[in-house]
């Protein structure tokens, strides 16, 4: 299945744009998505941490994803 990832902050720079399409085997979960993203974009591994949100909610690695889900890659956030 093909899913679209929305990337923000430094993740957008690493992926080369705000929207990126990724192909995954079904059924897919967040863990499989992270593995594919880190395979396609090795600099992601260098981030201290990042989160994946599915339909505006942070997702655990075991959460199943569908091609119709809105997926967001959220890098570490800092501020003061």
PDB file of N, CA and C in Angstrom:
ATOM      1  N   UNK A   1       0.844  -1.173   0.000  1.00  0.00           N
ATOM      2  CA  UNK A   1       0.000   0.000   0.000  1.00  0.00           C
ATOM      3  C   UNK A   1       0.888   1.233   0.000  1.00  0.00           C
ATOM      4  N   UNK A   2       0.374   2.300  -0.537  1.00  0.00           N
ATOM      5  CA  UNK A   2       1.116   3.555  -0.550  1.00  0.00           C
ATOM      6  C   UNK A   2       0.464   4.521   0.428  1.00  0.00           C
ATOM      7  N   UNK A   3       1.306   5.136   1.257  1.00  0.00           N
ATOM      8  CA  UNK A   3       0.808   6.128   2.207  1.00  0.00           C
ATOM      9  C   UNK A   3       1.580   7.426   2.013  1.00  0.00           C
ATOM     10  N   UNK A   4       0.946   8.517   2.362  1.00  0.00           N
ATOM     11  CA  UNK A   4       1.578   9.828   2.296  1.00  0.00           C
ATOM     12  C   UNK A   4       1.952  10.255   3.700  1.00  0.00           C
ATOM     13  N   UNK A   5       3.200  10.687   3.853  1.00  0.00           N
ATOM     14  CA  UNK A   5       3.715  11.157   5.135  1.00  0.00           C
ATOM     15  C   UNK A   5       3.823  12.673   5.073  1.00  0.00           C
ATOM     16  N   UNK A   6       3.315  13.351   6.083  1.00  0.00           N
ATOM     17  CA  UNK A   6       3.516  14.788   6.240  1.00  0.00           C
ATOM     18  C   UNK A   6       4.688  14.973   7.191  1.00  0.00           C
ATOM     19  N   UNK A   7       5.677  15.758   6.784  1.00  0.00           N
ATOM     20  CA  UNK A   7       6.882  15.945   7.599  1.00  0.00           C
ATOM     21  C   UNK A   7       6.993  17.404   8.029  1.00  0.00           C
ATOM     22  N   UNK A   8       7.488  17.604   9.244  1.00  0.00           N
ATOM     23  CA  UNK A   8       7.608  18.943   9.805  1.00  0.00           C
ATOM     24  C   UNK A   8       9.009  19.171  10.338  1.00  0.00           C
ATOM     25  N   UNK A   9       9.405  20.445  10.460  1.00  0.00           N
ATOM     26  CA  UNK A   9      10.699  20.801  11.046  1.00  0.00           C
ATOM     27  C   UNK A   9      11.857  20.163  10.311  1.00  0.00           C
ATOM     28  N   UNK A  10      12.835  19.682  11.071  1.00  0.00           N
ATOM     29  CA  UNK A  10      14.029  19.067  10.502  1.00  0.00           C
ATOM     30  C   UNK A  10      13.674  17.819   9.696  1.00  0.00           C
ATOM     31  N   UNK A  11      12.597  17.136  10.054  1.00  0.00           N
ATOM     32  CA  UNK A  11      12.172  15.945   9.305  1.00  0.00           C
ATOM     33  C   UNK A  11      11.818  16.313   7.867  1.00  0.00           C
ATOM     34  N   UNK A  12      11.232  17.482   7.677  1.00  0.00           N
ATOM     35  CA  UNK A  12      10.905  17.955   6.332  1.00  0.00           C
ATOM     36  C   UNK A  12      12.177  18.121   5.512  1.00  0.00           C
ATOM     37  N   UNK A  13      13.226  18.640   6.128  1.00  0.00           N
ATOM     38  CA  UNK A  13      14.506  18.802   5.434  1.00  0.00           C
ATOM     39  C   UNK A  13      15.119  17.446   5.090  1.00  0.00           C
ATOM     40  N   UNK A  14      15.055  16.504   6.014  1.00  0.00           N
ATOM     41  CA  UNK A  14      15.632  15.170   5.790  1.00  0.00           C
ATOM     42  C   UNK A  14      14.895  14.443   4.666  1.00  0.00           C
ATOM     43  N   UNK A  15      13.567  14.536   4.646  1.00  0.00           N
ATOM     44  CA  UNK A  15      12.778  13.841   3.639  1.00  0.00           C
ATOM     45  C   UNK A  15      12.723  14.588   2.312  1.00  0.00           C
ATOM     46  N   UNK A  16      13.135  15.849   2.316  1.00  0.00           N
ATOM     47  CA  UNK A  16      13.167  16.615   1.075  1.00  0.00           C
ATOM     48  C   UNK A  16      11.853  17.265   0.696  1.00  0.00           C
ATOM     49  N   UNK A  17      10.943  17.373   1.629  1.00  0.00           N
ATOM     50  CA  UNK A  17       9.676  18.036   1.352  1.00  0.00           C
ATOM     51  C   UNK A  17       8.666  17.762   2.437  1.00  0.00           C
ATOM     52  N   UNK A  18       7.568  18.491   2.370  1.00  0.00           N
ATOM     53  CA  UNK A  18       6.539  18.341   3.399  1.00  0.00           C
ATOM     54  C   UNK A  18       5.712  17.075   3.190  1.00  0.00           C
ATOM     55  N   UNK A  19       5.620  16.584   1.948  1.00  0.00           N
ATOM     56  CA  UNK A  19       4.858  15.365   1.654  1.00  0.00           C
ATOM     57  C   UNK A  19       5.757  14.356   0.950  1.00  0.00           C
ATOM     58  N   UNK A  20       5.729  13.130   1.446  1.00  0.00           N
ATOM     59  CA  UNK A  20       6.514  12.046   0.864  1.00  0.00           C
ATOM     60  C   UNK A  20       5.641  10.798   0.826  1.00  0.00           C
ATOM     61  N   UNK A  21       5.703  10.067  -0.272  1.00  0.00           N
ATOM     62  CA  UNK A  21       4.968   8.807  -0.386  1.00  0.00           C
ATOM     63  C   UNK A  21       5.890   7.641  -0.070  1.00  0.00           C
ATOM     64  N   UNK A  22       5.369   6.688   0.695  1.00  0.00           N
ATOM     65  CA  UNK A  22       6.106   5.485   1.100  1.00  0.00           C
ATOM     66  C   UNK A  22       5.237   4.271   0.763  1.00  0.00           C
ATOM     67  N   UNK A  23       5.868   3.226   0.249  1.00  0.00           N
ATOM     68  CA  UNK A  23       5.159   1.983  -0.030  1.00  0.00           C
ATOM     69  C   UNK A  23       5.485   0.963   1.055  1.00  0.00           C
ATOM     70  N   UNK A  24       4.443   0.376   1.631  1.00  0.00           N
ATOM     71  CA  UNK A  24       4.580  -0.641   2.679  1.00  0.00           C
ATOM     72  C   UNK A  24       3.751  -1.861   2.317  1.00  0.00           C
ATOM     73  N   UNK A  25       4.182  -3.017   2.795  1.00  0.00           N
ATOM     74  CA  UNK A  25       3.373  -4.223   2.658  1.00  0.00           C
ATOM     75  C   UNK A  25       2.235  -4.177   3.666  1.00  0.00           C
ATOM     76  N   UNK A  26       1.084  -4.715   3.271  1.00  0.00           N
ATOM     77  CA  UNK A  26      -0.052  -4.795   4.193  1.00  0.00           C
ATOM     78  C   UNK A  26      -0.048  -6.131   4.910  1.00  0.00           C
ATOM     79  N   UNK A  27      -0.505  -6.225   6.135  1.00  0.00           N
ATOM     80  CA  UNK A  27      -0.859  -5.110   7.015  1.00  0.00           C
ATOM     81  C   UNK A  27       0.403  -4.407   7.503  1.00  0.00           C
ATOM     82  N   UNK A  28       0.297  -3.118   7.717  1.00  0.00           N
ATOM     83  CA  UNK A  28       1.445  -2.327   8.154  1.00  0.00           C
ATOM     84  C   UNK A  28       1.162  -1.696   9.504  1.00  0.00           C
ATOM     85  N   UNK A  29       2.240  -1.488  10.261  1.00  0.00           N
ATOM     86  CA  UNK A  29       2.106  -0.787  11.536  1.00  0.00           C
ATOM     87  C   UNK A  29       3.176   0.302  11.611  1.00  0.00           C
ATOM     88  N   UNK A  30       3.161   1.057  12.685  1.00  0.00           N
ATOM     89  CA  UNK A  30       4.083   2.179  12.844  1.00  0.00           C
ATOM     90  C   UNK A  30       5.531   1.700  12.864  1.00  0.00           C
ATOM     91  N   UNK A  31       5.791   0.571  13.493  1.00  0.00           N
ATOM     92  CA  UNK A  31       7.158   0.035  13.527  1.00  0.00           C
ATOM     93  C   UNK A  31       7.680  -0.211  12.105  1.00  0.00           C
ATOM     94  N   UNK A  32       6.870  -0.835  11.260  1.00  0.00           N
ATOM     95  CA  UNK A  32       7.269  -1.090   9.871  1.00  0.00           C
ATOM     96  C   UNK A  32       7.483   0.219   9.117  1.00  0.00           C
ATOM     97  N   UNK A  33       6.644   1.206   9.382  1.00  0.00           N
ATOM     98  CA  UNK A  33       6.793   2.511   8.742  1.00  0.00           C
ATOM     99  C   UNK A  33       8.115   3.158   9.137  1.00  0.00           C
ATOM    100  N   UNK A  34       8.433   3.142  10.434  1.00  0.00           N
ATOM    101  CA  UNK A  34       9.693   3.732  10.896  1.00  0.00           C
ATOM    102  C   UNK A  34      10.889   3.027  10.261  1.00  0.00           C
ATOM    103  N   UNK A  35      10.835   1.700  10.171  1.00  0.00           N
ATOM    104  CA  UNK A  35      11.936   0.959   9.554  1.00  0.00           C
ATOM    105  C   UNK A  35      12.118   1.370   8.099  1.00  0.00           C
ATOM    106  N   UNK A  36      11.011   1.502   7.370  1.00  0.00           N
ATOM    107  CA  UNK A  36      11.101   1.886   5.960  1.00  0.00           C
ATOM    108  C   UNK A  36      11.600   3.316   5.814  1.00  0.00           C
ATOM    109  N   UNK A  37      11.108   4.222   6.657  1.00  0.00           N
ATOM    110  CA  UNK A  37      11.570   5.609   6.608  1.00  0.00           C
ATOM    111  C   UNK A  37      13.069   5.699   6.882  1.00  0.00           C
ATOM    112  N   UNK A  38      13.543   4.980   7.895  1.00  0.00           N
ATOM    113  CA  UNK A  38      14.969   5.026   8.242  1.00  0.00           C
ATOM    114  C   UNK A  38      15.827   4.345   7.179  1.00  0.00           C
ATOM    115  N   UNK A  39      15.265   3.378   6.472  1.00  0.00           N
ATOM    116  CA  UNK A  39      15.978   2.746   5.361  1.00  0.00           C
ATOM    117  C   UNK A  39      16.094   3.725   4.194  1.00  0.00           C
ATOM    118  N   UNK A  40      14.989   4.400   3.872  1.00  0.00           N
ATOM    119  CA  UNK A  40      14.978   5.342   2.750  1.00  0.00           C
ATOM    120  C   UNK A  40      15.694   6.647   3.065  1.00  0.00           C
ATOM    121  N   UNK A  41      15.681   7.050   4.322  1.00  0.00           N
ATOM    122  CA  UNK A  41      16.253   8.336   4.751  1.00  0.00           C
ATOM    123  C   UNK A  41      17.129   8.112   5.984  1.00  0.00           C
ATOM    124  N   UNK A  42      18.344   7.568   5.819  1.00  0.00           N
ATOM    125  CA  UNK A  42      19.212   7.226   6.956  1.00  0.00           C
ATOM    126  C   UNK A  42      19.447   8.348   7.973  1.00  0.00           C
ATOM    127  N   UNK A  43      19.485   9.636   7.577  1.00  0.00           N
ATOM    128  CA  UNK A  43      19.680  10.677   8.598  1.00  0.00           C
ATOM    129  C   UNK A  43      18.597  10.707   9.683  1.00  0.00           C
ATOM    130  N   UNK A  44      17.434  10.110   9.426  1.00  0.00           N
ATOM    131  CA  UNK A  44      16.400  10.044  10.471  1.00  0.00           C
ATOM    132  C   UNK A  44      16.904   9.311  11.706  1.00  0.00           C
ATOM    133  N   UNK A  45      17.787   8.340  11.505  1.00  0.00           N
ATOM    134  CA  UNK A  45      18.329   7.570  12.629  1.00  0.00           C
ATOM    135  C   UNK A  45      19.123   8.454  13.583  1.00  0.00           C
ATOM    136  N   UNK A  46      19.623   9.584  13.077  1.00  0.00           N
ATOM    137  CA  UNK A  46      20.445  10.478  13.889  1.00  0.00           C
ATOM    138  C   UNK A  46      19.620  11.391  14.797  1.00  0.00           C
ATOM    139  N   UNK A  47      18.324  11.489  14.548  1.00  0.00           N
ATOM    140  CA  UNK A  47      17.480  12.301  15.426  1.00  0.00           C
ATOM    141  C   UNK A  47      17.395  11.629  16.790  1.00  0.00           C
ATOM    142  N   UNK A  48      17.418  12.429  17.834  1.00  0.00           N
ATOM    143  CA  UNK A  48      17.325  11.888  19.195  1.00  0.00           C
ATOM    144  C   UNK A  48      16.039  11.081  19.356  1.00  0.00           C
ATOM    145  N   UNK A  49      14.983  11.574  18.790  1.00  0.00           N
ATOM    146  CA  UNK A  49      13.697  10.879  18.814  1.00  0.00           C
ATOM    147  C   UNK A  49      12.778  11.570  17.820  1.00  0.00           C
ATOM    148  N   UNK A  50      11.780  10.854  17.402  1.00  0.00           N
ATOM    149  CA  UNK A  50      10.716  11.462  16.611  1.00  0.00           C
ATOM    150  C   UNK A  50       9.453  10.643  16.843  1.00  0.00           C
ATOM    151  N   UNK A  51       8.340  11.290  16.624  1.00  0.00           N
ATOM    152  CA  UNK A  51       7.052  10.636  16.850  1.00  0.00           C
ATOM    153  C   UNK A  51       6.296  10.547  15.527  1.00  0.00           C
ATOM    154  N   UNK A  52       5.416   9.589  15.471  1.00  0.00           N
ATOM    155  CA  UNK A  52       4.501   9.454  14.346  1.00  0.00           C
ATOM    156  C   UNK A  52       3.093   9.681  14.886  1.00  0.00           C
ATOM    157  N   UNK A  53       2.356  10.527  14.202  1.00  0.00           N
ATOM    158  CA  UNK A  53       0.954  10.751  14.554  1.00  0.00           C
ATOM    159  C   UNK A  53       0.079  10.170  13.442  1.00  0.00           C
ATOM    160  N   UNK A  54      -0.999   9.529  13.844  1.00  0.00           N
ATOM    161  CA  UNK A  54      -1.968   8.971  12.908  1.00  0.00           C
ATOM    162  C   UNK A  54      -3.305   9.632  13.195  1.00  0.00           C
ATOM    163  N   UNK A  55      -3.821  10.307  12.184  1.00  0.00           N
ATOM    164  CA  UNK A  55      -5.108  11.000  12.324  1.00  0.00           C
ATOM    165  C   UNK A  55      -5.119  11.915  13.550  1.00  0.00           C
ATOM    166  N   UNK A  56      -4.047  12.696  13.698  1.00  0.00           N
ATOM    167  CA  UNK A  56      -3.899  13.715  14.744  1.00  0.00           C
ATOM    168  C   UNK A  56      -3.685  13.172  16.148  1.00  0.00           C
ATOM    169  N   UNK A  57      -3.326  11.899  16.283  1.00  0.00           N
ATOM    170  CA  UNK A  57      -3.028  11.312  17.591  1.00  0.00           C
ATOM    171  C   UNK A  57      -1.689  10.597  17.531  1.00  0.00           C
ATOM    172  N   UNK A  58      -0.862  10.798  18.561  1.00  0.00           N
ATOM    173  CA  UNK A  58       0.407  10.077  18.610  1.00  0.00           C
ATOM    174  C   UNK A  58       0.134   8.577  18.594  1.00  0.00           C
ATOM    175  N   UNK A  59       0.980   7.845  17.853  1.00  0.00           N
ATOM    176  CA  UNK A  59       0.759   6.413  17.660  1.00  0.00           C
ATOM    177  C   UNK A  59       1.872   5.588  18.287  1.00  0.00           C
ATOM    178  N   UNK A  60       1.506   4.416  18.804  1.00  0.00           N
ATOM    179  CA  UNK A  60       2.494   3.464  19.314  1.00  0.00           C
ATOM    180  C   UNK A  60       3.026   2.644  18.138  1.00  0.00           C
ATOM    181  N   UNK A  61       4.154   1.978  18.347  1.00  0.00           N
ATOM    182  CA  UNK A  61       4.770   1.185  17.284  1.00  0.00           C
ATOM    183  C   UNK A  61       3.881   0.044  16.800  1.00  0.00           C
ATOM    184  N   UNK A  62       2.955  -0.403  17.615  1.00  0.00           N
ATOM    185  CA  UNK A  62       2.107  -1.536  17.237  1.00  0.00           C
ATOM    186  C   UNK A  62       0.819  -1.126  16.523  1.00  0.00           C
ATOM    187  N   UNK A  63       0.565   0.169  16.442  1.00  0.00           N
ATOM    188  CA  UNK A  63      -0.678   0.619  15.811  1.00  0.00           C
ATOM    189  C   UNK A  63      -0.670   0.298  14.324  1.00  0.00           C
ATOM    190  N   UNK A  64      -1.751  -0.306  13.857  1.00  0.00           N
ATOM    191  CA  UNK A  64      -1.924  -0.606  12.441  1.00  0.00           C
ATOM    192  C   UNK A  64      -2.280   0.674  11.698  1.00  0.00           C
ATOM    193  N   UNK A  65      -1.760   0.795  10.479  1.00  0.00           N
ATOM    194  CA  UNK A  65      -2.078   1.972   9.673  1.00  0.00           C
ATOM    195  C   UNK A  65      -2.722   1.543   8.357  1.00  0.00           C
ATOM    196  N   UNK A  66      -3.568   2.415   7.849  1.00  0.00           N
ATOM    197  CA  UNK A  66      -4.276   2.200   6.594  1.00  0.00           C
ATOM    198  C   UNK A  66      -3.841   3.249   5.581  1.00  0.00           C
ATOM    199  N   UNK A  67      -4.032   2.964   4.311  1.00  0.00           N
ATOM    200  CA  UNK A  67      -3.630   3.915   3.271  1.00  0.00           C
ATOM    201  C   UNK A  67      -4.420   5.217   3.354  1.00  0.00           C
ATOM    202  N   UNK A  68      -5.575   5.189   3.989  1.00  0.00           N
ATOM    203  CA  UNK A  68      -6.412   6.385   4.109  1.00  0.00           C
ATOM    204  C   UNK A  68      -6.082   7.234   5.338  1.00  0.00           C
ATOM    205  N   UNK A  69      -5.198   6.738   6.214  1.00  0.00           N
ATOM    206  CA  UNK A  69      -4.837   7.483   7.421  1.00  0.00           C
ATOM    207  C   UNK A  69      -3.979   8.698   7.083  1.00  0.00           C
ATOM    208  N   UNK A  70      -4.127   9.745   7.887  1.00  0.00           N
ATOM    209  CA  UNK A  70      -3.235  10.900   7.791  1.00  0.00           C
ATOM    210  C   UNK A  70      -2.061  10.636   8.728  1.00  0.00           C
ATOM    211  N   UNK A  71      -0.862  10.545   8.166  1.00  0.00           N
ATOM    212  CA  UNK A  71       0.340  10.205   8.920  1.00  0.00           C
ATOM    213  C   UNK A  71       1.251  11.425   8.967  1.00  0.00           C
ATOM    214  N   UNK A  72       1.706  11.787  10.156  1.00  0.00           N
ATOM    215  CA  UNK A  72       2.617  12.920  10.314  1.00  0.00           C
ATOM    216  C   UNK A  72       3.880  12.471  11.040  1.00  0.00           C
ATOM    217  N   UNK A  73       5.014  12.933  10.552  1.00  0.00           N
ATOM    218  CA  UNK A  73       6.318  12.678  11.161  1.00  0.00           C
ATOM    219  C   UNK A  73       6.698  13.933  11.930  1.00  0.00           C
ATOM    220  N   UNK A  74       6.808  13.798  13.247  1.00  0.00           N
ATOM    221  CA  UNK A  74       7.037  14.950  14.116  1.00  0.00           C
ATOM    222  C   UNK A  74       8.399  14.801  14.780  1.00  0.00           C
ATOM    223  N   UNK A  75       9.334  15.700  14.445  1.00  0.00           N
ATOM    224  CA  UNK A  75      10.679  15.632  15.025  1.00  0.00           C
ATOM    225  C   UNK A  75      10.688  16.153  16.456  1.00  0.00           C
ATOM    226  N   UNK A  76      11.837  16.020  17.133  1.00  0.00           N
ATOM    227  CA  UNK A  76      11.941  16.590  18.479  1.00  0.00           C
ATOM    228  C   UNK A  76      11.628  18.088  18.443  1.00  0.00           C
ATOM    229  N   UNK A  77      10.949  18.553  19.464  1.00  0.00           N
ATOM    230  CA  UNK A  77      10.565  19.962  19.546  1.00  0.00           C
ATOM    231  C   UNK A  77      11.316  20.597  20.701  1.00  0.00           C
ATOM    232  N   UNK A  78      11.840  21.783  20.457  1.00  0.00           N
ATOM    233  CA  UNK A  78      12.510  22.511  21.536  1.00  0.00           C
ATOM    234  C   UNK A  78      12.002  23.941  21.542  1.00  0.00           C
ATOM    235  N   UNK A  79      12.234  24.597  22.611  1.00  0.00           N
ATOM    236  CA  UNK A  79      11.785  25.977  22.700  1.00  0.00           C
ATOM    237  C   UNK A  79      12.073  26.532  24.072  1.00  0.00           C
ATOM    238  N   UNK A  80      11.704  27.758  24.247  1.00  0.00           N
ATOM    239  CA  UNK A  80      12.004  28.365  25.523  1.00  0.00           C
ATOM    240  C   UNK A  80      10.878  29.159  26.071  1.00  0.00           C
TER     241      UNK A  80
END
